[in-house]
């Protein structure tokens, strides 16, 4: 929360992105995209991963309404 109150200013933010940040971000995107197919295979067919995430994040309709959540049912 400290950053949220101190970082944003009228007309912008407290500081611009550091020099070279955009290039590093684009380099990472290129690097990451080359492995997406491998990551997908590791996750979608991995029985250990699937066992660990099965049922995680499921919220029933009544609980969602009680928490004020929205989105597809």
C-alpha atoms as a PDB file:
ATOM      1  CA  UNK A   1       0.000   0.000   0.000  1.00  0.00           C
ATOM      2  CA  UNK A   2       2.883   2.378   0.627  1.00  0.00           C
ATOM      3  CA  UNK A   3       3.789   2.440  -3.067  1.00  0.00           C
ATOM      4  CA  UNK A   4       0.225   3.073  -4.160  1.00  0.00           C
ATOM      5  CA  UNK A   5      -0.101   6.278  -2.116  1.00  0.00           C
ATOM      6  CA  UNK A   6       3.392   7.552  -2.735  1.00  0.00           C
ATOM      7  CA  UNK A   7       4.025   6.479  -6.340  1.00  0.00           C
ATOM      8  CA  UNK A   8       1.094   7.931  -8.259  1.00  0.00           C
ATOM      9  CA  UNK A   9       1.043  11.654  -8.962  1.00  0.00           C
ATOM     10  CA  UNK A  10      -1.309  14.021 -10.707  1.00  0.00           C
ATOM     11  CA  UNK A  11      -0.435  13.688 -14.385  1.00  0.00           C
ATOM     12  CA  UNK A  12       1.591  10.493 -14.044  1.00  0.00           C
ATOM     13  CA  UNK A  13       3.762   8.586 -11.624  1.00  0.00           C
ATOM     14  CA  UNK A  14       6.766   9.419  -9.432  1.00  0.00           C
ATOM     15  CA  UNK A  15       9.356   8.029 -11.864  1.00  0.00           C
ATOM     16  CA  UNK A  16       9.659   6.748 -15.399  1.00  0.00           C
ATOM     17  CA  UNK A  17      10.834   3.244 -16.220  1.00  0.00           C
ATOM     18  CA  UNK A  18      14.579   2.800 -15.756  1.00  0.00           C
ATOM     19  CA  UNK A  19      16.737   3.132 -18.871  1.00  0.00           C
ATOM     20  CA  UNK A  20      16.819  -0.177 -20.771  1.00  0.00           C
ATOM     21  CA  UNK A  21      13.820  -1.695 -18.984  1.00  0.00           C
ATOM     22  CA  UNK A  22      11.702  -2.009 -22.134  1.00  0.00           C
ATOM     23  CA  UNK A  23      14.509  -3.776 -24.020  1.00  0.00           C
ATOM     24  CA  UNK A  24      15.013  -6.209 -21.122  1.00  0.00           C
ATOM     25  CA  UNK A  25      11.276  -6.851 -20.983  1.00  0.00           C
ATOM     26  CA  UNK A  26      11.117  -7.563 -24.703  1.00  0.00           C
ATOM     27  CA  UNK A  27      14.165  -9.846 -24.433  1.00  0.00           C
ATOM     28  CA  UNK A  28      12.444 -11.790 -21.676  1.00  0.00           C
ATOM     29  CA  UNK A  29       9.271 -12.103 -23.780  1.00  0.00           C
ATOM     30  CA  UNK A  30      11.303 -13.534 -26.668  1.00  0.00           C
ATOM     31  CA  UNK A  31      13.056 -15.961 -24.305  1.00  0.00           C
ATOM     32  CA  UNK A  32       9.834 -17.019 -22.589  1.00  0.00           C
ATOM     33  CA  UNK A  33       7.856 -17.519 -25.796  1.00  0.00           C
ATOM     34  CA  UNK A  34      10.402 -20.026 -27.105  1.00  0.00           C
ATOM     35  CA  UNK A  35       9.590 -22.336 -24.188  1.00  0.00           C
ATOM     36  CA  UNK A  36       5.792 -21.989 -23.992  1.00  0.00           C
ATOM     37  CA  UNK A  37       5.135 -25.276 -25.819  1.00  0.00           C
ATOM     38  CA  UNK A  38       7.464 -27.106 -23.411  1.00  0.00           C
ATOM     39  CA  UNK A  39       5.892 -25.429 -20.368  1.00  0.00           C
ATOM     40  CA  UNK A  40       2.441 -26.371 -21.621  1.00  0.00           C
ATOM     41  CA  UNK A  41       3.436 -30.036 -21.998  1.00  0.00           C
ATOM     42  CA  UNK A  42       4.974 -30.065 -18.525  1.00  0.00           C
ATOM     43  CA  UNK A  43       1.853 -28.659 -16.893  1.00  0.00           C
ATOM     44  CA  UNK A  44      -1.087 -30.062 -18.845  1.00  0.00           C
ATOM     45  CA  UNK A  45       0.004 -33.715 -18.689  1.00  0.00           C
ATOM     46  CA  UNK A  46       1.919 -33.811 -15.416  1.00  0.00           C
ATOM     47  CA  UNK A  47      -0.014 -36.015 -12.945  1.00  0.00           C
ATOM     48  CA  UNK A  48       1.755 -34.509  -9.915  1.00  0.00           C
ATOM     49  CA  UNK A  49       0.828 -30.966 -10.955  1.00  0.00           C
ATOM     50  CA  UNK A  50      -2.731 -31.970 -11.833  1.00  0.00           C
ATOM     51  CA  UNK A  51      -3.208 -33.725  -8.478  1.00  0.00           C
ATOM     52  CA  UNK A  52      -1.992 -30.660  -6.600  1.00  0.00           C
ATOM     53  CA  UNK A  53      -4.261 -28.176  -8.393  1.00  0.00           C
ATOM     54  CA  UNK A  54      -7.410 -30.262  -8.747  1.00  0.00           C
ATOM     55  CA  UNK A  55     -10.252 -28.517  -6.924  1.00  0.00           C
ATOM     56  CA  UNK A  56      -8.152 -25.453  -6.039  1.00  0.00           C
ATOM     57  CA  UNK A  57      -9.877 -22.149  -6.611  1.00  0.00           C
ATOM     58  CA  UNK A  58     -13.392 -23.536  -6.991  1.00  0.00           C
ATOM     59  CA  UNK A  59     -15.939 -21.262  -5.363  1.00  0.00           C
ATOM     60  CA  UNK A  60     -19.595 -22.124  -5.244  1.00  0.00           C
ATOM     61  CA  UNK A  61     -22.301 -19.721  -6.384  1.00  0.00           C
ATOM     62  CA  UNK A  62     -23.544 -18.867  -2.877  1.00  0.00           C
ATOM     63  CA  UNK A  63     -20.039 -18.259  -1.538  1.00  0.00           C
ATOM     64  CA  UNK A  64     -19.215 -16.063  -4.538  1.00  0.00           C
ATOM     65  CA  UNK A  65     -22.306 -13.978  -3.955  1.00  0.00           C
ATOM     66  CA  UNK A  66     -21.513 -13.653  -0.239  1.00  0.00           C
ATOM     67  CA  UNK A  67     -18.027 -12.376  -1.078  1.00  0.00           C
ATOM     68  CA  UNK A  68     -19.360 -10.017  -3.763  1.00  0.00           C
ATOM     69  CA  UNK A  69     -17.450 -11.750  -6.553  1.00  0.00           C
ATOM     70  CA  UNK A  70     -18.452 -11.455 -10.177  1.00  0.00           C
ATOM     71  CA  UNK A  71     -17.638 -13.278 -13.380  1.00  0.00           C
ATOM     72  CA  UNK A  72     -18.762 -16.347 -15.301  1.00  0.00           C
ATOM     73  CA  UNK A  73     -20.657 -18.965 -13.365  1.00  0.00           C
END
